[in-house]
Amino acid sequence: MSIYEIGSQKIVTLSELGGKEIVNLNNGGRLGVIADSDLLIDEKTGKIHSLLVPDNRSQFKLFGEKKEIDIPWNTIRKIGNDMIIIELDY
């Protein structure tokens, strides 16, 4: 994985995030994979606000109802080779 630095910011390309598992540091729970997720991006600044991960915990989905977990970008603690560690109380 390549991490680029621009000033004091570290940048990872979107294609390198694909396929990584999202794991919550607080409870060890697996929340999903980046490939199945959407990004909520500020159109003016281009900054990522959050990840929208499909909530697969519900066994009963009515008529294609789609629920998502909103993971704020500032909860990401580490981006590794295989997973993204977040810290989220949920």
Protein backbone atom coordinates (compact mmCIF):
# COMPACT_ATOMS: atom_id res chain seq x y z
CA MET A 1 0.00 0.00 0.00
CA SER A 2 1.31 3.43 -0.89
CA ILE A 3 0.78 6.34 1.48
CA TYR A 4 1.51 9.73 0.01
CA GLU A 5 2.21 12.81 2.07
CA ILE A 6 1.01 16.25 1.07
CA GLY A 7 2.14 18.72 3.69
CA SER A 8 1.09 17.26 7.03
CA GLN A 9 -1.63 15.04 5.49
CA LYS A 10 -1.19 11.39 4.60
CA ILE A 11 -3.06 10.29 1.49
CA VAL A 12 -4.14 6.77 0.47
CA THR A 13 -5.68 6.18 -2.95
CA LEU A 14 -9.28 4.97 -3.11
CA SER A 15 -8.33 1.92 -5.18
CA GLU A 16 -6.00 0.80 -2.39
CA LEU A 17 -8.83 0.93 0.17
CA GLY A 18 -10.98 -1.50 -1.82
CA GLY A 19 -11.39 -4.95 -0.30
CA LYS A 20 -10.20 -4.00 3.18
CA GLU A 21 -12.20 -5.31 6.14
CA ILE A 22 -13.53 -2.69 8.58
CA VAL A 23 -13.01 -3.72 12.24
CA ASN A 24 -14.19 -1.83 15.33
CA LEU A 25 -11.46 -1.48 17.97
CA ASN A 26 -14.03 -1.11 20.79
CA ASN A 27 -15.70 -4.50 20.39
CA GLY A 28 -13.68 -6.37 17.74
CA GLY A 29 -16.74 -6.50 15.49
CA ARG A 30 -16.42 -6.74 11.74
CA LEU A 31 -18.58 -4.14 10.05
CA GLY A 32 -18.02 -4.96 6.41
CA VAL A 33 -15.69 -4.49 3.49
CA ILE A 34 -14.82 -1.20 1.78
CA ALA A 35 -15.83 -2.65 -1.60
CA ASP A 36 -19.43 -2.88 -0.36
CA SER A 37 -19.38 0.63 1.12
CA ASP A 38 -20.13 4.13 -0.10
CA LEU A 39 -18.19 7.29 0.68
CA LEU A 40 -19.86 10.51 1.76
CA ILE A 41 -17.70 13.29 0.28
CA ASP A 42 -17.92 17.08 0.62
CA GLU A 43 -18.32 18.30 -2.96
CA LYS A 44 -16.62 21.63 -2.26
CA THR A 45 -13.52 20.43 -0.40
CA GLY A 46 -13.24 16.85 -1.65
CA LYS A 47 -12.79 15.62 1.92
CA ILE A 48 -14.36 12.35 3.01
CA HIS A 49 -16.92 12.79 5.79
CA SER A 50 -17.83 9.17 6.39
CA LEU A 51 -18.10 5.62 5.14
CA LEU A 52 -21.57 4.15 4.65
CA VAL A 53 -21.31 0.41 5.26
CA PRO A 54 -24.28 -1.92 4.65
CA ASP A 55 -25.63 -3.19 7.98
CA ASN A 56 -25.65 -6.95 7.53
CA ARG A 57 -26.62 -7.67 11.13
CA SER A 58 -30.33 -7.65 10.41
CA GLN A 59 -31.53 -11.06 9.26
CA PHE A 60 -34.95 -9.84 8.18
CA LYS A 61 -35.00 -7.22 5.46
CA LEU A 62 -38.36 -6.06 4.21
CA PHE A 63 -38.80 -5.48 0.49
CA GLY A 64 -35.15 -4.72 -0.22
CA GLU A 65 -34.86 -2.31 2.70
CA LYS A 66 -31.26 -1.17 2.93
CA LYS A 67 -29.81 -0.07 6.26
CA GLU A 68 -26.35 1.39 6.60
CA ILE A 69 -23.87 2.12 9.36
CA ASP A 70 -22.47 5.66 9.13
CA ILE A 71 -18.79 5.57 10.11
CA PRO A 72 -17.34 9.08 10.50
CA TRP A 73 -13.94 9.39 8.82
CA ASN A 74 -12.40 10.75 12.04
CA THR A 75 -13.06 7.40 13.78
CA ILE A 76 -10.46 5.66 11.60
CA ARG A 77 -7.42 4.82 13.73
CA LYS A 78 -5.29 2.72 11.37
CA ILE A 79 -5.31 1.65 7.74
CA GLY A 80 -3.40 -1.61 7.36
CA ASN A 81 -2.70 -3.96 4.48
CA ASP A 82 -5.85 -6.04 5.02
CA MET A 83 -8.10 -4.01 7.29
CA ILE A 84 -9.16 -0.63 8.54
CA ILE A 85 -9.37 -0.23 12.32
CA ILE A 86 -12.01 2.20 13.56
CA GLU A 87 -12.98 3.29 17.06
CA LEU A 88 -16.74 3.65 17.20
CA ASP A 89 -19.17 3.41 20.12
CA TYR A 90 -22.15 1.67 18.60
